[in-house]
Amino acid sequence: MTSEYLWPTGNQQEDLQHRRRMMSSSTASGFRTGMLGVPVPNVVKTVSAARLLQLGKRARKLGYSAVGRPTWTEAHRAEIESVVLVAICPEGAAGQPHSCWRCYAGTSAKETGVVAFGIDIEMSEFAKLDTVTDPWILAEILLYPANHLPVDAR
């Protein structure tokens, strides 16, 4: 993949500076290659349903395009047992390229199972969120509420 696809500003110097900024602000876990072939934090974050709604409101206020699913989240707030966030690519609002992470929010709810949607979270705020450190926690969040297929008849 060539550099012009890595950072959509089109300004090679600005793109290089942004990449250096991202790499220098990396977490202890570092970065991985995300969607579009760009580096994203190599962590899984977790928040409550209430915090997810706050992050969505903040995204809307900042003019980001992915604001979560506030209507769905509010309607299912009481049954949401867990929320995990995974950064998939850098995003931003008009005049503020690369100011946030576009994330998948995976929610685990009693009635609906696992539901995923996009939400933009400021890079500085994403770094402050709790990190899932135990892989078993992540497995339980995603697998227990999943639809389990019936056993095949013999």
C-alpha atoms as a PDB file:
ATOM      1  CA  MET A   1       0.000   0.000   0.000  1.00  0.00           C
ATOM      2  CA  THR A   2       1.452   3.370  -0.913  1.00  0.00           C
ATOM      3  CA  SER A   3       1.657   6.316   1.443  1.00  0.00           C
ATOM      4  CA  GLU A   4      -1.022   8.301  -0.379  1.00  0.00           C
ATOM      5  CA  TYR A   5      -3.590   5.777   0.839  1.00  0.00           C
ATOM      6  CA  LEU A   6      -2.381   5.792   4.435  1.00  0.00           C
ATOM      7  CA  TRP A   7      -3.297   9.380   5.262  1.00  0.00           C
ATOM      8  CA  PRO A   8      -6.002  11.046   3.183  1.00  0.00           C
ATOM      9  CA  THR A   9      -4.835  14.652   3.644  1.00  0.00           C
ATOM     10  CA  GLY A  10      -2.755  14.503   0.463  1.00  0.00           C
ATOM     11  CA  ASN A  11       0.003  16.556   2.112  1.00  0.00           C
ATOM     12  CA  GLN A  12       2.964  14.211   2.467  1.00  0.00           C
ATOM     13  CA  GLN A  13       4.708  16.315   5.166  1.00  0.00           C
ATOM     14  CA  GLU A  14       1.518  16.639   7.216  1.00  0.00           C
ATOM     15  CA  ASP A  15       0.853  12.925   6.843  1.00  0.00           C
ATOM     16  CA  LEU A  16       4.354  12.039   8.029  1.00  0.00           C
ATOM     17  CA  GLN A  17       4.037  14.359  11.030  1.00  0.00           C
ATOM     18  CA  HIS A  18       0.689  12.794  11.910  1.00  0.00           C
ATOM     19  CA  ARG A  19       2.105   9.279  11.708  1.00  0.00           C
ATOM     20  CA  ARG A  20       4.997  10.266  14.008  1.00  0.00           C
ATOM     21  CA  ARG A  21       2.534  11.851  16.461  1.00  0.00           C
ATOM     22  CA  MET A  22       0.433   8.684  16.500  1.00  0.00           C
ATOM     23  CA  MET A  23       3.424   6.422  17.018  1.00  0.00           C
ATOM     24  CA  SER A  24       4.914   8.596  19.765  1.00  0.00           C
ATOM     25  CA  SER A  25       1.621   8.600  21.679  1.00  0.00           C
ATOM     26  CA  SER A  26       1.299   4.832  21.528  1.00  0.00           C
ATOM     27  CA  THR A  27       0.152   2.849  24.513  1.00  0.00           C
ATOM     28  CA  ALA A  28       2.329   0.229  26.181  1.00  0.00           C
ATOM     29  CA  SER A  29       0.670  -2.365  23.962  1.00  0.00           C
ATOM     30  CA  GLY A  30       1.702  -0.482  20.807  1.00  0.00           C
ATOM     31  CA  PHE A  31      -0.101  -0.442  17.488  1.00  0.00           C
ATOM     32  CA  ARG A  32      -1.383  -2.945  14.964  1.00  0.00           C
ATOM     33  CA  THR A  33      -2.372  -2.499  11.351  1.00  0.00           C
ATOM     34  CA  GLY A  34      -6.047  -1.583  11.226  1.00  0.00           C
ATOM     35  CA  MET A  35      -8.493  -1.098   8.387  1.00  0.00           C
ATOM     36  CA  LEU A  36      -7.078   0.902   5.485  1.00  0.00           C
ATOM     37  CA  GLY A  37      -3.603  -0.353   6.428  1.00  0.00           C
ATOM     38  CA  VAL A  38      -2.969   2.367   9.001  1.00  0.00           C
ATOM     39  CA  PRO A  39      -1.686   1.922  12.569  1.00  0.00           C
ATOM     40  CA  VAL A  40      -4.320   1.761  15.309  1.00  0.00           C
ATOM     41  CA  PRO A  41      -3.976   1.093  19.050  1.00  0.00           C
ATOM     42  CA  ASN A  42      -3.410  -2.587  19.788  1.00  0.00           C
ATOM     43  CA  VAL A  43      -5.833  -2.621  22.706  1.00  0.00           C
ATOM     44  CA  VAL A  44      -9.443  -3.425  23.465  1.00  0.00           C
ATOM     45  CA  LYS A  45     -11.193  -0.871  25.662  1.00  0.00           C
ATOM     46  CA  THR A  46     -14.287  -1.314  27.817  1.00  0.00           C
ATOM     47  CA  VAL A  47     -16.930   1.136  29.023  1.00  0.00           C
ATOM     48  CA  SER A  48     -20.380   1.052  30.597  1.00  0.00           C
ATOM     49  CA  ALA A  49     -23.548   1.695  28.604  1.00  0.00           C
ATOM     50  CA  ALA A  50     -23.834   5.101  30.306  1.00  0.00           C
ATOM     51  CA  ARG A  51     -20.269   5.991  29.293  1.00  0.00           C
ATOM     52  CA  LEU A  52     -20.959   4.812  25.726  1.00  0.00           C
ATOM     53  CA  LEU A  53     -23.851   7.280  25.557  1.00  0.00           C
ATOM     54  CA  GLN A  54     -21.582  10.073  26.863  1.00  0.00           C
ATOM     55  CA  LEU A  55     -18.958   9.260  24.230  1.00  0.00           C
ATOM     56  CA  GLY A  56     -21.626   9.381  21.517  1.00  0.00           C
ATOM     57  CA  LYS A  57     -22.851  12.780  22.714  1.00  0.00           C
ATOM     58  CA  ARG A  58     -19.280  14.068  22.685  1.00  0.00           C
ATOM     59  CA  ALA A  59     -18.769  12.726  19.156  1.00  0.00           C
ATOM     60  CA  ARG A  60     -21.904  14.536  17.957  1.00  0.00           C
ATOM     61  CA  LYS A  61     -20.807  17.774  19.674  1.00  0.00           C
ATOM     62  CA  LEU A  62     -17.402  17.601  17.952  1.00  0.00           C
ATOM     63  CA  GLY A  63     -18.993  17.016  14.542  1.00  0.00           C
ATOM     64  CA  TYR A  64     -17.812  13.422  14.094  1.00  0.00           C
ATOM     65  CA  SER A  65     -19.886  11.289  11.749  1.00  0.00           C
ATOM     66  CA  ALA A  66     -20.064   8.077  13.824  1.00  0.00           C
ATOM     67  CA  VAL A  67     -21.926   8.859  17.033  1.00  0.00           C
ATOM     68  CA  GLY A  68     -22.806   5.315  18.088  1.00  0.00           C
ATOM     69  CA  ARG A  69     -26.440   4.301  18.209  1.00  0.00           C
ATOM     70  CA  PRO A  70     -27.823   6.499  20.993  1.00  0.00           C
ATOM     71  CA  THR A  71     -31.479   5.587  20.451  1.00  0.00           C
ATOM     72  CA  TRP A  72     -30.749   1.841  20.521  1.00  0.00           C
ATOM     73  CA  THR A  73     -28.282   2.169  23.430  1.00  0.00           C
ATOM     74  CA  GLU A  74     -30.740   4.170  25.522  1.00  0.00           C
ATOM     75  CA  ALA A  75     -33.552   1.692  24.777  1.00  0.00           C
ATOM     76  CA  HIS A  76     -31.364  -1.288  25.798  1.00  0.00           C
ATOM     77  CA  ARG A  77     -29.301   0.424  28.486  1.00  0.00           C
ATOM     78  CA  ALA A  78     -30.648  -1.671  31.372  1.00  0.00           C
ATOM     79  CA  GLU A  79     -29.893  -4.967  29.641  1.00  0.00           C
ATOM     80  CA  ILE A  80     -26.427  -4.098  28.273  1.00  0.00           C
ATOM     81  CA  GLU A  81     -23.983  -6.162  30.293  1.00  0.00           C
ATOM     82  CA  SER A  82     -20.749  -5.025  28.672  1.00  0.00           C
ATOM     83  CA  VAL A  83     -19.289  -2.852  25.950  1.00  0.00           C
ATOM     84  CA  VAL A  84     -15.933  -3.276  24.222  1.00  0.00           C
ATOM     85  CA  LEU A  85     -14.310  -0.792  21.857  1.00  0.00           C
ATOM     86  CA  VAL A  86     -11.758  -1.554  19.149  1.00  0.00           C
ATOM     87  CA  ALA A  87     -10.135   1.203  17.076  1.00  0.00           C
ATOM     88  CA  ILE A  88     -10.303   0.440  13.349  1.00  0.00           C
ATOM     89  CA  CYS A  89      -8.933   3.609  11.693  1.00  0.00           C
ATOM     90  CA  PRO A  90      -8.250   7.298  12.338  1.00  0.00           C
ATOM     91  CA  GLU A  91     -11.047   9.726  11.500  1.00  0.00           C
ATOM     92  CA  GLY A  92     -11.920  13.331  12.171  1.00  0.00           C
ATOM     93  CA  ALA A  93     -14.334  16.172  11.662  1.00  0.00           C
ATOM     94  CA  ALA A  94     -14.141  18.936   9.062  1.00  0.00           C
ATOM     95  CA  GLY A  95     -10.902  20.825   9.599  1.00  0.00           C
ATOM     96  CA  GLN A  96      -9.676  18.257  12.141  1.00  0.00           C
ATOM     97  CA  PRO A  97      -8.362  15.224  10.254  1.00  0.00           C
ATOM     98  CA  HIS A  98      -7.105  12.358  12.402  1.00  0.00           C
ATOM     99  CA  SER A  99      -8.511  13.757  15.661  1.00  0.00           C
ATOM    100  CA  CYS A 100     -10.384  10.604  16.644  1.00  0.00           C
ATOM    101  CA  TRP A 101     -10.431   6.841  16.315  1.00  0.00           C
ATOM    102  CA  ARG A 102     -13.286   5.236  14.395  1.00  0.00           C
ATOM    103  CA  CYS A 103     -14.177   2.323  16.643  1.00  0.00           C
ATOM    104  CA  TYR A 104     -16.332  -0.747  16.581  1.00  0.00           C
ATOM    105  CA  ALA A 105     -18.441  -0.813  19.707  1.00  0.00           C
ATOM    106  CA  GLY A 106     -19.464  -4.353  20.584  1.00  0.00           C
ATOM    107  CA  THR A 107     -22.270  -4.539  23.107  1.00  0.00           C
ATOM    108  CA  SER A 108     -23.382  -7.649  24.911  1.00  0.00           C
ATOM    109  CA  ALA A 109     -27.010  -7.473  26.021  1.00  0.00           C
ATOM    110  CA  LYS A 110     -29.338  -9.990  27.661  1.00  0.00           C
ATOM    111  CA  GLU A 111     -32.109  -9.844  25.051  1.00  0.00           C
ATOM    112  CA  THR A 112     -30.255  -8.934  21.855  1.00  0.00           C
ATOM    113  CA  GLY A 113     -26.969 -10.801  22.224  1.00  0.00           C
ATOM    114  CA  VAL A 114     -23.937  -9.110  20.700  1.00  0.00           C
ATOM    115  CA  VAL A 115     -24.622  -5.975  18.664  1.00  0.00           C
ATOM    116  CA  ALA A 116     -21.878  -3.923  16.975  1.00  0.00           C
ATOM    117  CA  PHE A 117     -21.822  -0.428  15.515  1.00  0.00           C
ATOM    118  CA  GLY A 118     -19.415   2.428  14.851  1.00  0.00           C
ATOM    119  CA  ILE A 119     -18.506   5.326  17.107  1.00  0.00           C
ATOM    120  CA  ASP A 120     -15.814   8.013  16.814  1.00  0.00           C
ATOM    121  CA  ILE A 121     -13.818   8.652  19.988  1.00  0.00           C
ATOM    122  CA  GLU A 122     -11.228  11.385  20.489  1.00  0.00           C
ATOM    123  CA  MET A 123      -7.749   9.876  20.482  1.00  0.00           C
ATOM    124  CA  SER A 124      -6.877  11.396  23.852  1.00  0.00           C
ATOM    125  CA  GLU A 125     -10.129  10.118  25.381  1.00  0.00           C
ATOM    126  CA  PHE A 126      -9.698   6.626  23.910  1.00  0.00           C
ATOM    127  CA  ALA A 127      -6.290   6.371  25.614  1.00  0.00           C
ATOM    128  CA  LYS A 128      -7.902   7.093  29.020  1.00  0.00           C
ATOM    129  CA  LEU A 129     -10.571   4.364  28.796  1.00  0.00           C
ATOM    130  CA  ASP A 130     -10.155   1.104  30.722  1.00  0.00           C
ATOM    131  CA  THR A 131      -8.269  -1.574  28.810  1.00  0.00           C
ATOM    132  CA  VAL A 132      -9.350  -5.218  28.737  1.00  0.00           C
ATOM    133  CA  THR A 133      -6.246  -7.017  29.988  1.00  0.00           C
ATOM    134  CA  ASP A 134      -7.586 -10.541  30.419  1.00  0.00           C
ATOM    135  CA  PRO A 135      -8.469 -12.350  27.153  1.00  0.00           C
ATOM    136  CA  TRP A 136     -10.968 -14.531  29.020  1.00  0.00           C
ATOM    137  CA  ILE A 137     -13.016 -11.450  29.853  1.00  0.00           C
ATOM    138  CA  LEU A 138     -13.232 -10.603  26.169  1.00  0.00           C
ATOM    139  CA  ALA A 139     -14.144 -14.186  25.271  1.00  0.00           C
ATOM    140  CA  GLU A 140     -16.922 -14.230  27.881  1.00  0.00           C
ATOM    141  CA  ILE A 141     -18.277 -10.882  26.686  1.00  0.00           C
ATOM    142  CA  LEU A 142     -18.534 -12.113  23.104  1.00  0.00           C
ATOM    143  CA  LEU A 143     -19.234 -15.834  23.396  1.00  0.00           C
ATOM    144  CA  TYR A 144     -21.712 -16.309  26.247  1.00  0.00           C
ATOM    145  CA  PRO A 145     -24.501 -14.208  24.713  1.00  0.00           C
ATOM    146  CA  ALA A 146     -23.854 -15.494  21.178  1.00  0.00           C
ATOM    147  CA  ASN A 147     -26.506 -17.521  19.397  1.00  0.00           C
ATOM    148  CA  HIS A 148     -25.588 -21.166  19.881  1.00  0.00           C
ATOM    149  CA  LEU A 149     -26.483 -23.548  17.084  1.00  0.00           C
ATOM    150  CA  PRO A 150     -28.428 -26.694  17.964  1.00  0.00           C
ATOM    151  CA  VAL A 151     -26.649 -30.039  17.898  1.00  0.00           C
ATOM    152  CA  ASP A 152     -27.033 -31.838  14.568  1.00  0.00           C
ATOM    153  CA  ALA A 153     -29.335 -34.845  14.605  1.00  0.00           C
ATOM    154  CA  ARG A 154     -27.576 -38.145  14.057  1.00  0.00           C
END
